[in-house]
Amino acid sequence: MLYPDPMTFNLADLFENAVDHFGDREYLFADGKRRTYREMEERANRLAHHLAAQGIGKDDHVGIYAYNSVEWVETLWAVFKLRAVWININYRYVEDELRYLFDNADLKALVFAREFAPRVAGVRDSMPLLKHLVLLEDGTGEGASGLDAVEYEEALAAESPDRDFAPRSDDDRYILYTGGTTGMPKGVVWRHKDVFMALGGGIDPRSGERATHPGEMVERGKAMGMAISFLPIAPLMHGATQWAVMGQSFTGNRVILMPRFDPAEVWRLVEEEKVNSIMITGDAMGRPMIEELQGASSERDVSSLFALSSSAATFSPTVKDAFFEKFPNLVMIDAVGSSETGNTGMVTVQPGQTEMKGGPTVKKLGETVVLDEDGKIIPPGTGQIGKIARGGDIPLEYYKDPKKSAETFVTYDGVRYSMPGDYATIEADGSITLIGRGSVSINSGGEKIFPEEVEAAVKSHPDVFDCTVVGVPDERFGERVCAVVQLRDGRSPTLESVQEQCRTKIAGYKVPREMHAVDQIVRSPSGKPDYRWAKEAALAARGA
């Protein structure tokens, strides 16, 4: 098929091509506001022109500091239209964390919700390059005096809705700040084309075929015969939801967003907006969602839902089974990936086949391999544990961090890989079984124990609602396995009963030797475990 030129694998080009073919389709619904593809395009053009008038252009960094909203997405596209780079900001950060991020990210402009104005004012001196601020009204009434910010709607009203921007490139930059499970956030720097291939659907996950022209994404959307209504639940500051929004837009689908996670609100949206597919981040969202539906006093019509995907966090067999009980024909996808690699593997989960070893066993995607300590590819079926590595479409670096870049982006035998630290084995059929993240593994008497596997076992106990597993000091073995648990209301299981349950799932040396109950497990807004918090809670409980 012939496609118009010039056109690149630039993310703004991909979106604009979708607008030209699906302009009248509803694109986005969030917090009561709706946008068609064309309306989103025109408002993003207005914001882009406003930012350009303030001196924002190619490679300049623009922060987005807000809850999920249509304005978040409008800002996303406006920045890319200018060949600038948007920076995702964690809305849970306190001032010290924001100071670090704002200083590291070199922001020249900031779009922020009024609720966060006091924090922005408190760290304004951490942004010496900042030229311009745009204020999103959110009804909170927080004062923004002294910030000299332009109100968002006023900024848009004064500018043109026309698309009249300079040509763009595959090489334009996208930066995803990731906090991971330990340490301060790092900015992962991608080329547009690479990140589109790794995360945006450029490589078809079913066939493994690469898109050879940007126009193919619209053809894929047309071939589907219908627009899918997709609800990604995590915050847009999390990479998985950013790519849920962008990836769906390239093929003309519809996206529903919620400002904050609420399990009852999820099912209301499914019913009222006829949601077809939901994306969650593991148990932190899946467990309260399915239990809310199971315990609902009135039956909701959720018959429109036919697909559920999970990524970035442990999705336990017990939670998967509960979804299958409610939705016997559900298409369930468990995916593996990271901000540094993109999507490295996925599996369609079948009822009755939900057991896993810490993480799922997935069909590998792209140029994904498992490497040993010497950087050699581990052959299938050996049972040897190594590190997941992806070649080909990978990031350039961590922003302003050559030391961590050299540790993560490595070259073996002439091939450059991204290796963020996930351990895995490769099965006889070439599939990959995720074991866990090495940076949080527990060394007990020389045995390496991955928390994810133990957490799944602990959460299979009927009295445990949630769990994070950490290592705590042990005089004999160096470290012992400790479970920090959130119990179900009115339940008080003994350590012995939890150990007995775990022994049916994992080897004896991995079973927790210590357990401490807390009122609530602390996780990131995307559902990832906060291992630093869990370790502090465990040490405090034992009086250390």
Protein backbone atom coordinates (compact mmCIF):
# COMPACT_ATOMS: atom_id res chain seq x y z
CA MET A 1 0.00 0.00 0.00
CA LEU A 2 1.20 3.54 -0.75
CA TYR A 3 1.40 5.98 2.14
CA PRO A 4 1.77 9.77 2.19
CA ASP A 5 5.24 11.25 2.68
CA PRO A 6 6.93 12.65 4.59
CA MET A 7 5.90 10.57 7.58
CA THR A 8 8.05 9.05 10.29
CA PHE A 9 7.76 6.78 13.30
CA ASN A 10 7.59 9.95 15.37
CA LEU A 11 4.90 9.64 18.02
CA ALA A 12 3.21 12.92 17.06
CA ASP A 13 3.18 11.86 13.39
CA LEU A 14 1.56 8.56 14.34
CA PHE A 15 -1.14 10.34 16.32
CA GLU A 16 -1.81 12.91 13.60
CA ASN A 17 -2.22 10.13 11.04
CA ALA A 18 -4.85 8.53 13.29
CA VAL A 19 -6.64 11.90 13.58
CA ASP A 20 -6.76 12.16 9.78
CA HIS A 21 -8.52 8.77 9.56
CA PHE A 22 -10.58 8.59 12.77
CA GLY A 23 -11.24 12.29 13.46
CA ASP A 24 -14.90 11.98 14.45
CA ARG A 25 -14.43 8.96 16.72
CA GLU A 26 -14.50 9.50 20.44
CA TYR A 27 -10.90 9.24 21.60
CA LEU A 28 -10.86 9.95 25.31
CA PHE A 29 -13.18 10.08 28.31
CA ALA A 30 -11.90 11.21 31.70
CA ASP A 31 -13.62 12.67 34.75
CA GLY A 32 -16.76 13.62 32.84
CA LYS A 33 -14.95 15.19 29.85
CA ARG A 34 -14.94 13.73 26.34
CA ARG A 35 -12.74 14.40 23.33
CA THR A 36 -12.95 13.13 19.76
CA TYR A 37 -9.70 12.56 17.90
CA ARG A 38 -10.15 15.87 16.10
CA GLU A 39 -11.00 17.79 19.28
CA MET A 40 -7.92 16.38 21.01
CA GLU A 41 -5.79 17.36 18.02
CA GLU A 42 -7.07 20.93 17.87
CA ARG A 43 -6.64 21.54 21.59
CA ALA A 44 -3.15 20.00 21.56
CA ASN A 45 -2.27 22.29 18.63
CA ARG A 46 -3.42 25.32 20.61
CA LEU A 47 -1.29 24.35 23.60
CA ALA A 48 1.68 23.61 21.36
CA HIS A 49 1.43 27.07 19.82
CA HIS A 50 1.22 28.62 23.28
CA LEU A 51 4.34 26.79 24.47
CA ALA A 52 6.19 27.67 21.26
CA ALA A 53 5.39 31.34 21.85
CA GLN A 54 7.12 31.02 25.24
CA GLY A 55 10.30 29.72 23.59
CA ILE A 56 9.70 25.98 24.02
CA GLY A 57 10.99 23.90 21.14
CA LYS A 58 13.03 20.89 20.07
CA ASP A 59 14.53 18.88 22.95
CA ASP A 60 13.21 21.24 25.65
CA HIS A 61 11.76 19.48 28.69
CA VAL A 62 8.17 20.12 29.80
CA GLY A 63 6.91 18.62 33.08
CA ILE A 64 3.36 17.30 33.56
CA TYR A 65 2.29 17.28 37.21
CA ALA A 66 -1.35 16.20 37.55
CA TYR A 67 -3.75 13.32 38.00
CA ASN A 68 -5.13 11.47 34.97
CA SER A 69 -7.14 13.90 32.89
CA VAL A 70 -7.88 14.93 29.30
CA GLU A 71 -5.50 17.86 29.85
CA TRP A 72 -2.65 15.45 30.71
CA VAL A 73 -3.10 13.79 27.32
CA GLU A 74 -3.52 17.11 25.48
CA THR A 75 -0.22 18.23 27.00
CA LEU A 76 1.41 14.96 25.98
CA TRP A 77 0.61 15.49 22.29
CA ALA A 78 1.29 19.25 22.38
CA VAL A 79 4.83 18.68 23.60
CA PHE A 80 5.62 16.02 21.02
CA LYS A 81 4.22 18.19 18.24
CA LEU A 82 6.98 20.70 19.05
CA ARG A 83 9.66 17.96 19.11
CA ALA A 84 10.04 18.76 22.80
CA VAL A 85 10.15 16.14 25.60
CA TRP A 86 7.56 15.74 28.32
CA ILE A 87 8.60 14.66 31.80
CA ASN A 88 6.26 12.54 33.95
CA ILE A 89 6.08 13.68 37.59
CA ASN A 90 5.00 11.45 40.46
CA TYR A 91 2.18 13.28 42.26
CA ARG A 92 2.98 11.50 45.52
CA TYR A 93 6.46 12.97 45.79
CA VAL A 94 7.14 15.30 48.69
CA GLU A 95 9.32 18.39 48.32
CA ASP A 96 12.71 16.70 48.76
CA GLU A 97 11.91 14.14 46.04
CA LEU A 98 10.51 16.85 43.76
CA ARG A 99 13.67 18.91 44.21
CA TYR A 100 15.73 15.99 43.01
CA LEU A 101 13.49 15.28 40.02
CA PHE A 102 13.05 18.89 38.93
CA ASP A 103 16.78 19.55 39.15
CA ASN A 104 17.65 16.33 37.33
CA ALA A 105 15.08 16.82 34.57
CA ASP A 106 16.11 20.36 33.48
CA LEU A 107 12.53 21.57 33.09
CA LYS A 108 11.93 24.63 30.91
CA ALA A 109 8.14 24.56 31.29
CA LEU A 110 5.71 22.96 33.72
CA VAL A 111 2.00 22.15 33.35
CA PHE A 112 0.61 21.49 36.85
CA ALA A 113 -2.72 21.04 38.64
CA ARG A 114 -3.72 23.71 41.15
CA GLU A 115 -3.68 21.15 43.97
CA PHE A 116 0.10 20.94 43.63
CA ALA A 117 0.76 24.70 43.52
CA PRO A 118 2.12 24.85 47.12
CA ARG A 119 4.65 22.10 46.34
CA VAL A 120 5.68 23.79 43.11
CA ALA A 121 6.17 27.06 44.99
CA GLY A 122 8.23 25.23 47.61
CA VAL A 123 10.70 23.88 45.05
CA ARG A 124 10.65 26.69 42.48
CA ASP A 125 14.31 27.43 43.19
CA SER A 126 15.20 23.88 42.02
CA MET A 127 14.30 24.78 38.44
CA PRO A 128 16.82 27.40 37.28
CA LEU A 129 16.03 26.71 33.60
CA LEU A 130 12.25 27.12 34.04
CA LYS A 131 10.76 29.68 31.67
CA HIS A 132 7.03 29.14 31.92
CA LEU A 133 4.25 27.63 34.05
CA VAL A 134 0.73 26.61 33.00
CA LEU A 135 -1.92 26.09 35.70
CA LEU A 136 -4.64 23.44 35.39
CA GLU A 137 -7.80 24.29 37.32
CA ASP A 138 -9.02 21.37 39.40
CA GLY A 139 -11.45 22.98 41.85
CA THR A 140 -9.18 22.57 44.88
CA GLY A 141 -8.79 26.30 45.51
CA GLU A 142 -5.10 26.09 46.33
CA GLY A 143 -3.30 29.41 46.05
CA ALA A 144 -0.81 29.90 43.22
CA SER A 145 0.30 33.45 43.94
CA GLY A 146 3.89 34.22 43.17
CA LEU A 147 4.21 31.49 40.54
CA ASP A 148 3.30 33.73 37.59
CA ALA A 149 1.43 30.87 35.93
CA VAL A 150 -0.91 31.17 32.92
CA GLU A 151 -4.24 29.37 33.29
CA TYR A 152 -4.54 26.41 30.95
CA GLU A 153 -7.82 27.30 29.24
CA GLU A 154 -6.73 30.93 28.75
CA ALA A 155 -3.55 29.70 27.12
CA LEU A 156 -5.47 27.53 24.67
CA ALA A 157 -8.14 30.13 23.87
CA ALA A 158 -5.57 32.61 22.62
CA GLU A 159 -3.92 30.29 20.10
CA SER A 160 -4.61 28.67 16.73
CA PRO A 161 -5.99 25.12 16.37
CA ASP A 162 -4.11 24.63 13.09
CA ARG A 163 -1.52 21.93 12.50
CA ASP A 164 1.37 23.89 11.08
CA PHE A 165 4.46 22.41 12.68
CA ALA A 166 7.89 21.65 11.25
CA PRO A 167 8.75 18.11 10.10
CA ARG A 168 9.77 15.70 12.83
CA SER A 169 12.16 12.78 13.12
CA ASP A 170 12.35 9.15 14.26
CA ASP A 171 15.23 10.35 16.44
CA ASP A 172 13.20 12.79 18.55
CA ARG A 173 13.43 12.02 22.25
CA TYR A 174 11.02 10.49 24.75
CA ILE A 175 12.03 10.31 28.43
CA LEU A 176 10.32 8.11 30.99
CA TYR A 177 11.22 8.76 34.63
CA THR A 178 11.03 5.54 36.57
CA GLY A 179 11.38 5.13 40.31
CA GLY A 180 11.43 1.34 40.14
CA THR A 181 11.42 -0.41 43.51
CA THR A 182 14.57 1.16 44.96
CA GLY A 183 16.50 4.41 44.68
CA MET A 184 15.69 7.84 43.25
CA PRO A 185 13.94 8.21 39.88
CA LYS A 186 15.97 7.83 36.68
CA GLY A 187 15.12 9.30 33.29
CA VAL A 188 15.20 6.60 30.61
CA VAL A 189 15.98 8.26 27.27
CA TRP A 190 14.50 6.69 24.13
CA ARG A 191 14.36 7.56 20.44
CA HIS A 192 10.74 7.79 19.24
CA LYS A 193 11.11 4.94 16.76
CA ASP A 194 12.76 2.61 19.27
CA VAL A 195 10.18 3.18 21.99
CA PHE A 196 7.34 2.80 19.50
CA MET A 197 8.71 -0.59 18.48
CA ALA A 198 9.31 -1.68 22.08
CA LEU A 199 6.15 -0.33 23.70
CA GLY A 200 3.79 1.26 21.18
CA GLY A 201 2.75 -1.68 19.04
CA GLY A 202 5.40 -1.32 16.34
CA ILE A 203 6.13 -5.03 16.80
CA ASP A 204 2.87 -7.00 16.68
CA PRO A 205 2.85 -9.10 19.89
CA ARG A 206 0.91 -11.92 18.22
CA SER A 207 2.89 -12.34 15.01
CA GLY A 208 6.18 -10.70 15.98
CA GLU A 209 6.11 -8.71 12.72
CA ARG A 210 7.56 -5.20 12.69
CA ALA A 211 5.72 -2.28 11.16
CA THR A 212 7.62 -1.19 8.05
CA HIS A 213 5.74 2.11 7.62
CA PRO A 214 3.93 4.33 10.16
CA GLY A 215 0.73 4.18 8.11
CA GLU A 216 0.34 0.50 8.91
CA MET A 217 -1.02 1.34 12.37
CA VAL A 218 -4.13 2.94 10.90
CA GLU A 219 -4.58 -0.08 8.64
CA ARG A 220 -4.42 -2.35 11.70
CA GLY A 221 -7.14 -0.26 13.33
CA LYS A 222 -9.38 -0.43 10.29
CA ALA A 223 -8.87 -4.18 10.00
CA MET A 224 -10.25 -4.65 13.53
CA GLY A 225 -13.67 -3.50 12.31
CA MET A 226 -14.50 -1.79 15.61
CA ALA A 227 -13.02 0.63 18.12
CA ILE A 228 -12.05 -1.05 21.40
CA SER A 229 -12.91 0.83 24.61
CA PHE A 230 -9.83 0.50 26.80
CA LEU A 231 -9.49 1.37 30.49
CA PRO A 232 -5.89 1.57 31.79
CA ILE A 233 -6.17 2.12 35.52
CA ALA A 234 -2.69 3.18 36.64
CA PRO A 235 -1.64 6.86 36.67
CA LEU A 236 -0.35 8.44 33.46
CA MET A 237 2.89 9.17 35.29
CA HIS A 238 3.44 5.39 35.00
CA GLY A 239 4.84 4.17 31.68
CA ALA A 240 2.31 1.38 31.22
CA THR A 241 -0.61 3.82 31.09
CA GLN A 242 1.27 6.29 28.92
CA TRP A 243 1.68 3.52 26.37
CA ALA A 244 -1.86 2.27 26.80
CA VAL A 245 -3.05 5.74 25.81
CA MET A 246 -0.60 6.28 22.98
CA GLY A 247 -0.66 2.76 21.58
CA GLN A 248 -4.46 2.68 21.43
CA SER A 249 -4.58 6.08 19.74
CA PHE A 250 -2.47 4.95 16.78
CA THR A 251 -5.14 2.42 15.78
CA GLY A 252 -8.24 4.53 16.43
CA ASN A 253 -9.37 2.99 19.70
CA ARG A 254 -11.08 4.72 22.63
CA VAL A 255 -9.47 5.31 26.03
CA ILE A 256 -11.18 5.79 29.38
CA LEU A 257 -9.17 7.23 32.28
CA MET A 258 -9.91 7.57 36.00
CA PRO A 259 -8.19 10.23 38.15
CA ARG A 260 -7.59 7.85 41.06
CA PHE A 261 -7.97 4.13 41.54
CA ASP A 262 -11.24 3.09 43.15
CA PRO A 263 -12.46 -0.50 42.61
CA ALA A 264 -16.15 0.43 42.72
CA GLU A 265 -15.55 3.23 40.21
CA VAL A 266 -13.81 0.78 37.86
CA TRP A 267 -16.92 -1.36 37.59
CA ARG A 268 -19.20 1.67 37.25
CA LEU A 269 -17.11 2.79 34.28
CA VAL A 270 -17.16 -0.69 32.77
CA GLU A 271 -20.94 -0.71 32.94
CA GLU A 272 -21.66 2.87 31.85
CA GLU A 273 -18.90 3.29 29.25
CA LYS A 274 -19.13 -0.29 27.93
CA VAL A 275 -15.45 -0.97 28.54
CA ASN A 276 -14.05 -3.91 26.54
CA SER A 277 -10.54 -4.16 27.96
CA ILE A 278 -8.89 -3.23 31.27
CA MET A 279 -5.20 -2.89 32.09
CA ILE A 280 -4.06 -3.30 35.71
CA THR A 281 -0.75 -3.55 37.53
CA GLY A 282 -1.06 -6.86 39.30
CA ASP A 283 -2.65 -7.72 42.62
CA ALA A 284 -2.67 -4.18 44.00
CA MET A 285 -5.50 -3.38 41.62
CA GLY A 286 -6.75 -6.82 40.60
CA ARG A 287 -7.50 -8.14 44.08
CA PRO A 288 -9.65 -5.22 45.35
CA MET A 289 -11.38 -5.03 41.97
CA ILE A 290 -12.51 -8.64 41.83
CA GLU A 291 -13.47 -8.67 45.50
CA GLU A 292 -15.52 -5.51 44.99
CA LEU A 293 -17.37 -7.19 42.13
CA GLN A 294 -17.88 -10.39 44.11
CA GLY A 295 -19.29 -8.46 47.06
CA ALA A 296 -21.38 -5.91 45.17
CA SER A 297 -24.87 -5.57 46.65
CA SER A 298 -26.39 -4.95 43.22
CA GLU A 299 -25.39 -6.80 40.08
CA ARG A 300 -23.66 -4.62 37.50
CA ASP A 301 -23.82 -5.28 33.79
CA VAL A 302 -20.16 -5.88 32.97
CA SER A 303 -20.84 -8.06 29.95
CA SER A 304 -18.94 -5.68 27.64
CA LEU A 305 -15.61 -6.71 29.23
CA PHE A 306 -13.75 -9.40 27.32
CA ALA A 307 -10.04 -8.70 28.00
CA LEU A 308 -7.80 -8.03 30.99
CA SER A 309 -4.06 -7.37 30.90
CA SER A 310 -1.55 -6.94 33.70
CA SER A 311 2.02 -5.70 33.72
CA ALA A 312 4.73 -4.27 35.97
CA ALA A 313 3.71 -6.09 39.17
CA THR A 314 2.97 -9.57 40.52
CA PHE A 315 -0.40 -10.96 39.38
CA SER A 316 -1.07 -13.90 41.69
CA PRO A 317 -2.71 -17.18 40.63
CA THR A 318 -5.44 -16.79 43.25
CA VAL A 319 -6.46 -13.41 41.80
CA LYS A 320 -6.37 -14.71 38.24
CA ASP A 321 -8.58 -17.64 39.22
CA ALA A 322 -11.08 -15.29 40.87
CA PHE A 323 -11.38 -13.30 37.61
CA PHE A 324 -11.93 -16.49 35.61
CA GLU A 325 -14.71 -17.54 38.02
CA LYS A 326 -16.52 -14.28 37.26
CA PHE A 327 -15.54 -14.09 33.56
CA PRO A 328 -15.06 -17.66 32.24
CA ASN A 329 -14.30 -16.49 28.68
CA LEU A 330 -11.98 -13.64 29.64
CA VAL A 331 -8.90 -13.08 27.48
CA MET A 332 -6.23 -12.57 30.15
CA ILE A 333 -2.74 -11.31 29.31
CA ASP A 334 0.19 -11.27 31.73
CA ALA A 335 3.08 -9.18 30.43
CA VAL A 336 6.71 -8.69 31.41
CA GLY A 337 8.72 -5.56 30.73
CA SER A 338 10.34 -2.46 32.14
CA SER A 339 10.94 1.20 31.37
CA GLU A 340 14.43 0.23 30.17
CA THR A 341 13.44 -2.61 27.83
CA GLY A 342 9.86 -2.15 26.77
CA ASN A 343 7.68 -5.23 26.47
CA THR A 344 9.92 -8.29 26.67
CA GLY A 345 7.26 -10.99 26.83
CA MET A 346 3.61 -11.83 27.30
CA VAL A 347 1.35 -14.82 27.76
CA THR A 348 -2.35 -15.49 27.31
CA VAL A 349 -3.37 -17.06 30.62
CA GLN A 350 -5.76 -20.01 30.47
CA PRO A 351 -8.18 -21.05 33.25
CA GLY A 352 -6.61 -23.74 35.40
CA GLN A 353 -3.09 -22.81 34.25
CA THR A 354 -2.35 -19.87 36.53
CA GLU A 355 0.49 -21.20 38.67
CA MET A 356 3.75 -19.29 38.37
CA LYS A 357 7.24 -19.07 39.83
CA GLY A 358 7.29 -15.51 41.15
CA GLY A 359 6.52 -14.19 37.69
CA PRO A 360 4.77 -15.56 34.62
CA THR A 361 6.17 -17.75 31.86
CA VAL A 362 5.85 -15.69 28.69
CA LYS A 363 6.49 -15.79 24.97
CA LYS A 364 9.47 -13.50 24.44
CA LEU A 365 9.06 -10.44 22.25
CA GLY A 366 11.57 -8.57 20.12
CA GLU A 367 15.26 -9.36 20.50
CA THR A 368 14.89 -10.65 24.05
CA VAL A 369 17.32 -13.21 25.50
CA VAL A 370 18.55 -14.45 28.89
CA LEU A 371 22.26 -13.91 29.54
CA ASP A 372 24.61 -15.51 32.04
CA GLU A 373 27.17 -13.62 34.15
CA ASP A 374 29.62 -13.57 31.25
CA GLY A 375 27.09 -12.12 28.81
CA LYS A 376 26.56 -15.39 26.95
CA ILE A 377 23.09 -16.36 25.76
CA ILE A 378 21.69 -19.18 27.90
CA PRO A 379 20.34 -22.04 25.77
CA PRO A 380 16.69 -23.08 26.26
CA GLY A 381 15.83 -25.82 28.72
CA THR A 382 18.95 -25.74 30.90
CA GLY A 383 17.18 -24.38 33.99
CA GLN A 384 20.01 -21.89 34.46
CA ILE A 385 19.05 -18.54 35.99
CA GLY A 386 20.30 -15.44 34.17
CA LYS A 387 19.30 -11.87 33.45
CA ILE A 388 16.71 -10.78 30.91
CA ALA A 389 18.32 -8.67 28.19
CA ARG A 390 16.83 -6.99 25.17
CA GLY A 391 18.73 -5.92 22.07
CA GLY A 392 17.59 -3.93 19.07
CA ASP A 393 15.02 -1.28 19.99
CA ILE A 394 16.38 -0.11 23.35
CA PRO A 395 17.02 3.23 25.09
CA LEU A 396 20.03 5.43 24.56
CA GLU A 397 20.86 6.04 28.21
CA TYR A 398 19.72 7.26 31.60
CA TYR A 399 19.50 11.03 31.46
CA LYS A 400 22.62 12.66 32.94
CA ASP A 401 23.78 9.42 34.57
CA PRO A 402 26.67 7.81 32.67
CA LYS A 403 27.53 5.46 35.55
CA LYS A 404 24.09 3.83 35.73
CA SER A 405 23.85 3.91 31.94
CA ALA A 406 27.04 1.87 31.67
CA GLU A 407 25.70 -0.64 34.21
CA THR A 408 22.35 -1.16 32.45
CA PHE A 409 23.12 -0.68 28.75
CA VAL A 410 25.92 -3.11 28.01
CA THR A 411 27.56 -4.66 24.94
CA TYR A 412 28.42 -8.37 24.65
CA ASP A 413 29.86 -9.95 21.50
CA GLY A 414 29.09 -6.79 19.54
CA VAL A 415 25.41 -6.63 20.55
CA ARG A 416 24.15 -3.77 22.71
CA TYR A 417 21.62 -4.86 25.34
CA SER A 418 19.41 -3.30 27.98
CA MET A 419 19.64 -5.26 31.27
CA PRO A 420 17.66 -3.58 34.08
CA GLY A 421 18.22 -6.45 36.54
CA ASP A 422 15.35 -8.92 36.12
CA TYR A 423 16.31 -12.57 36.60
CA ALA A 424 14.73 -15.35 34.57
CA THR A 425 15.12 -18.82 33.12
CA ILE A 426 14.50 -19.84 29.52
CA GLU A 427 12.32 -22.89 28.99
CA ALA A 428 12.82 -25.68 26.44
CA ASP A 429 10.28 -24.09 24.07
CA GLY A 430 12.07 -20.71 24.17
CA SER A 431 9.61 -19.03 26.53
CA ILE A 432 10.91 -17.06 29.50
CA THR A 433 9.97 -17.49 33.16
CA LEU A 434 10.49 -14.35 35.21
CA ILE A 435 12.04 -15.03 38.63
CA GLY A 436 12.37 -11.55 40.11
CA ARG A 437 14.38 -8.36 40.46
CA GLY A 438 17.96 -8.94 41.61
CA SER A 439 18.21 -5.62 43.45
CA VAL A 440 15.65 -6.80 46.04
CA SER A 441 16.63 -10.47 46.21
CA ILE A 442 17.35 -12.02 49.62
CA ASN A 443 20.60 -13.90 50.31
CA SER A 444 19.90 -16.49 52.99
CA GLY A 445 22.83 -18.80 53.67
CA GLY A 446 24.06 -18.35 50.11
CA GLU A 447 20.67 -19.09 48.54
CA LYS A 448 19.21 -16.30 46.39
CA ILE A 449 15.49 -15.84 47.10
CA PHE A 450 13.32 -13.57 44.99
CA PRO A 451 10.54 -11.75 46.91
CA GLU A 452 7.97 -12.00 44.10
CA GLU A 453 7.79 -15.78 44.31
CA VAL A 454 7.38 -15.75 48.09
CA GLU A 455 4.80 -12.96 47.94
CA ALA A 456 2.61 -14.99 45.59
CA ALA A 457 2.79 -17.95 47.99
CA VAL A 458 1.96 -15.85 51.07
CA LYS A 459 -1.00 -14.21 49.30
CA SER A 460 -2.47 -17.62 48.54
CA HIS A 461 -3.31 -17.89 52.28
CA PRO A 462 -7.02 -17.08 52.68
CA ASP A 463 -6.40 -14.70 55.60
CA VAL A 464 -3.80 -12.56 53.80
CA PHE A 465 -4.97 -9.65 51.65
CA ASP A 466 -1.61 -8.24 50.58
CA CYS A 467 2.07 -8.83 51.24
CA THR A 468 5.58 -7.53 50.61
CA VAL A 469 8.58 -9.77 51.34
CA VAL A 470 12.01 -8.48 52.39
CA GLY A 471 15.21 -9.80 53.91
CA VAL A 472 16.03 -8.96 57.53
CA PRO A 473 19.28 -9.66 59.43
CA ASP A 474 19.90 -13.22 60.65
CA GLU A 475 22.92 -14.19 62.77
CA ARG A 476 23.30 -17.62 61.20
CA PHE A 477 22.26 -17.14 57.56
CA GLY A 478 23.01 -13.44 57.03
CA GLU A 479 19.41 -12.74 56.00
CA ARG A 480 16.09 -14.41 56.64
CA VAL A 481 12.83 -14.12 54.71
CA CYS A 482 10.34 -11.78 56.36
CA ALA A 483 6.74 -11.24 55.24
CA VAL A 484 5.10 -7.88 55.91
CA VAL A 485 1.39 -8.62 55.57
CA GLN A 486 -1.92 -6.83 55.41
CA LEU A 487 -4.53 -9.19 56.83
CA ARG A 488 -8.16 -9.47 55.93
CA ASP A 489 -10.55 -7.81 58.36
CA GLY A 490 -11.07 -9.87 61.49
CA ARG A 491 -8.42 -12.47 60.58
CA SER A 492 -5.29 -13.28 62.57
CA PRO A 493 -3.36 -16.18 61.02
CA THR A 494 -0.30 -17.55 62.81
CA LEU A 495 3.12 -17.58 61.23
CA GLU A 496 2.91 -21.37 61.31
CA SER A 497 -0.29 -21.46 59.26
CA VAL A 498 1.20 -19.13 56.68
CA GLN A 499 4.35 -21.26 56.53
CA GLU A 500 2.26 -24.40 56.04
CA GLN A 501 0.44 -22.80 53.11
CA CYS A 502 3.70 -21.55 51.57
CA ARG A 503 5.26 -25.01 51.68
CA THR A 504 2.62 -26.17 49.21
CA LYS A 505 3.84 -23.53 46.73
CA ILE A 506 7.59 -22.99 47.22
CA ALA A 507 10.72 -24.74 48.51
CA GLY A 508 11.25 -24.82 52.26
CA TYR A 509 14.25 -22.47 52.31
CA LYS A 510 12.10 -19.73 50.72
CA VAL A 511 9.33 -19.92 53.33
CA PRO A 512 9.09 -16.82 55.60
CA ARG A 513 10.74 -17.24 58.98
CA GLU A 514 9.22 -14.02 60.27
CA MET A 515 5.93 -12.20 59.74
CA HIS A 516 4.70 -8.74 60.76
CA ALA A 517 1.18 -7.40 60.26
CA VAL A 518 0.54 -3.79 59.20
CA ASP A 519 -2.67 -1.84 58.68
CA GLN A 520 -1.95 -1.33 54.99
CA ILE A 521 0.77 -2.30 52.55
CA VAL A 522 2.39 0.76 51.00
CA ARG A 523 2.78 0.68 47.22
CA SER A 524 3.51 3.17 44.50
CA PRO A 525 0.49 4.68 42.69
CA SER A 526 1.10 2.17 39.90
CA GLY A 527 0.91 -0.77 42.34
CA LYS A 528 4.60 -1.61 42.57
CA PRO A 529 5.91 -2.76 45.97
CA ASP A 530 7.77 -0.23 48.10
CA TYR A 531 10.56 -2.45 49.39
CA ARG A 532 12.29 0.33 51.30
CA TRP A 533 9.12 1.01 53.28
CA ALA A 534 8.55 -2.71 53.91
CA LYS A 535 12.07 -3.21 55.23
CA GLU A 536 11.75 -0.23 57.56
CA ALA A 537 8.39 -1.56 58.78
CA ALA A 538 9.86 -5.00 59.44
CA LEU A 539 12.88 -3.66 61.31
CA ALA A 540 10.69 -1.33 63.38
CA ALA A 541 8.36 -4.22 64.28
CA ARG A 542 11.25 -6.35 65.52
CA GLY A 543 12.72 -3.41 67.46
CA ALA A 544 15.85 -3.16 65.34
